Every structure is written in C-alpha cells, then in structure tokens.
Amino acid sequence: MKSEDIKPIEEVEELPDSWWYRVYLGVIITTILVISALWAFSRYFSS
C-alpha cells in the first residue's frame, strides 16, 4: 500500500454547545421534578 492509498480517519463533527446546554437543563429540571414527586408521595403516604 502506498501512503497515498490510506485515507485519513474522518473527524466526527461535534454538536454545538447550545445543544448540550439544553440537554443539561433538561436533565436538571427532570431531576428536580422527580425528587419533588418522591418527596410529595412520601409526605402523603407517611400520614
């Protein structure tokens, strides 16, 4: 094989930061909602 026949590995294009910020925000909001729901259920069933 000649060095001309070897193709370089194509670099994967990374997603923009704004998309990742939306993902992080969605994870944080979902976590807060789940914790709040668990807290509310525990208060309701403890009495």
N, C-alpha and C. Protein backbone atom coordinates (compact mmCIF):
# COMPACT_ATOMS: atom_id res chain seq x y z
N MET A 1 0.83 -1.19 0.00
CA MET A 1 0.00 0.00 0.00
C MET A 1 0.88 1.25 0.00
N LYS A 2 0.50 2.14 -0.79
CA LYS A 2 1.20 3.41 -0.81
C LYS A 2 0.56 4.34 0.22
N SER A 3 1.31 5.31 0.64
CA SER A 3 0.75 6.25 1.61
C SER A 3 -0.38 7.07 1.01
N GLU A 4 -0.43 7.13 -0.32
CA GLU A 4 -1.50 7.88 -0.97
C GLU A 4 -2.82 7.12 -0.91
N ASP A 5 -2.76 5.78 -0.76
CA ASP A 5 -3.98 4.97 -0.73
C ASP A 5 -4.67 5.04 0.63
N ILE A 6 -3.95 5.37 1.67
CA ILE A 6 -4.54 5.39 3.01
C ILE A 6 -5.29 6.70 3.21
N LYS A 7 -6.56 6.57 3.53
CA LYS A 7 -7.37 7.77 3.75
C LYS A 7 -7.36 8.10 5.24
N PRO A 8 -7.23 9.36 5.56
CA PRO A 8 -7.27 9.73 6.98
C PRO A 8 -8.66 9.50 7.57
N ILE A 9 -8.70 9.21 8.85
CA ILE A 9 -9.98 8.99 9.53
C ILE A 9 -10.74 10.32 9.58
N GLU A 10 -12.00 10.26 9.16
CA GLU A 10 -12.81 11.48 9.17
C GLU A 10 -13.14 11.85 10.60
N GLU A 11 -12.96 13.11 10.90
CA GLU A 11 -13.26 13.58 12.26
C GLU A 11 -14.76 13.74 12.42
N VAL A 12 -15.26 13.35 13.57
CA VAL A 12 -16.68 13.47 13.86
C VAL A 12 -16.97 14.91 14.24
N GLU A 13 -17.98 15.47 13.62
CA GLU A 13 -18.33 16.86 13.92
C GLU A 13 -19.05 16.90 15.26
N GLU A 14 -18.57 17.73 16.17
CA GLU A 14 -19.18 17.82 17.50
C GLU A 14 -20.40 18.73 17.45
N LEU A 15 -21.35 18.43 18.34
CA LEU A 15 -22.55 19.24 18.41
C LEU A 15 -22.23 20.59 19.05
N PRO A 16 -22.97 21.61 18.71
CA PRO A 16 -22.70 22.93 19.29
C PRO A 16 -23.01 22.95 20.78
N ASP A 17 -22.37 23.87 21.49
CA ASP A 17 -22.55 23.97 22.93
C ASP A 17 -23.99 24.26 23.33
N SER A 18 -24.70 25.06 22.53
CA SER A 18 -26.07 25.42 22.90
C SER A 18 -26.96 24.19 22.99
N TRP A 19 -26.70 23.17 22.14
CA TRP A 19 -27.49 21.93 22.20
C TRP A 19 -27.22 21.21 23.51
N TRP A 20 -25.95 21.16 23.91
CA TRP A 20 -25.60 20.48 25.15
C TRP A 20 -26.17 21.21 26.36
N TYR A 21 -26.21 22.55 26.32
CA TYR A 21 -26.80 23.30 27.43
C TYR A 21 -28.27 22.96 27.59
N ARG A 22 -28.97 22.76 26.48
CA ARG A 22 -30.38 22.35 26.58
C ARG A 22 -30.51 20.95 27.17
N VAL A 23 -29.61 20.05 26.82
CA VAL A 23 -29.62 18.70 27.39
C VAL A 23 -29.39 18.77 28.90
N TYR A 24 -28.37 19.53 29.32
CA TYR A 24 -28.07 19.67 30.74
C TYR A 24 -29.26 20.26 31.49
N LEU A 25 -29.88 21.30 30.92
CA LEU A 25 -31.02 21.93 31.56
C LEU A 25 -32.19 20.95 31.69
N GLY A 26 -32.42 20.16 30.66
CA GLY A 26 -33.48 19.16 30.72
C GLY A 26 -33.22 18.11 31.79
N VAL A 27 -31.97 17.69 31.93
CA VAL A 27 -31.63 16.71 32.97
C VAL A 27 -31.83 17.31 34.36
N ILE A 28 -31.42 18.55 34.56
CA ILE A 28 -31.57 19.20 35.86
C ILE A 28 -33.04 19.37 36.21
N ILE A 29 -33.85 19.83 35.26
CA ILE A 29 -35.29 20.02 35.52
C ILE A 29 -35.96 18.69 35.81
N THR A 30 -35.64 17.65 35.04
CA THR A 30 -36.23 16.34 35.27
C THR A 30 -35.85 15.80 36.65
N THR A 31 -34.59 15.99 37.05
CA THR A 31 -34.14 15.54 38.36
C THR A 31 -34.90 16.25 39.48
N ILE A 32 -35.06 17.56 39.34
CA ILE A 32 -35.81 18.32 40.36
C ILE A 32 -37.25 17.85 40.43
N LEU A 33 -37.88 17.60 39.28
CA LEU A 33 -39.27 17.13 39.28
C LEU A 33 -39.40 15.75 39.92
N VAL A 34 -38.48 14.85 39.64
CA VAL A 34 -38.53 13.51 40.21
C VAL A 34 -38.34 13.56 41.72
N ILE A 35 -37.37 14.34 42.17
CA ILE A 35 -37.14 14.45 43.62
C ILE A 35 -38.34 15.08 44.31
N SER A 36 -38.94 16.09 43.69
CA SER A 36 -40.12 16.72 44.27
C SER A 36 -41.30 15.75 44.34
N ALA A 37 -41.49 14.96 43.30
CA ALA A 37 -42.58 13.98 43.29
C ALA A 37 -42.35 12.91 44.35
N LEU A 38 -41.14 12.43 44.50
CA LEU A 38 -40.85 11.43 45.54
C LEU A 38 -41.08 12.01 46.93
N TRP A 39 -40.67 13.25 47.14
CA TRP A 39 -40.89 13.92 48.43
C TRP A 39 -42.39 14.05 48.72
N ALA A 40 -43.17 14.47 47.70
CA ALA A 40 -44.61 14.66 47.88
C ALA A 40 -45.30 13.32 48.18
N PHE A 41 -44.93 12.27 47.48
CA PHE A 41 -45.51 10.96 47.72
C PHE A 41 -45.17 10.44 49.11
N SER A 42 -43.95 10.67 49.54
CA SER A 42 -43.54 10.19 50.88
C SER A 42 -44.29 10.96 51.95
N ARG A 43 -44.51 12.26 51.76
CA ARG A 43 -45.29 13.03 52.74
C ARG A 43 -46.75 12.57 52.76
N TYR A 44 -47.31 12.29 51.58
CA TYR A 44 -48.71 11.88 51.50
C TYR A 44 -48.94 10.53 52.17
N PHE A 45 -48.06 9.57 51.94
CA PHE A 45 -48.26 8.23 52.47
C PHE A 45 -47.73 8.05 53.89
N SER A 46 -46.98 9.01 54.42
CA SER A 46 -46.47 8.86 55.78
C SER A 46 -47.51 9.23 56.83
N SER A 47 -48.53 10.00 56.45
CA SER A 47 -49.53 10.39 57.45
C SER A 47 -50.76 9.52 57.45
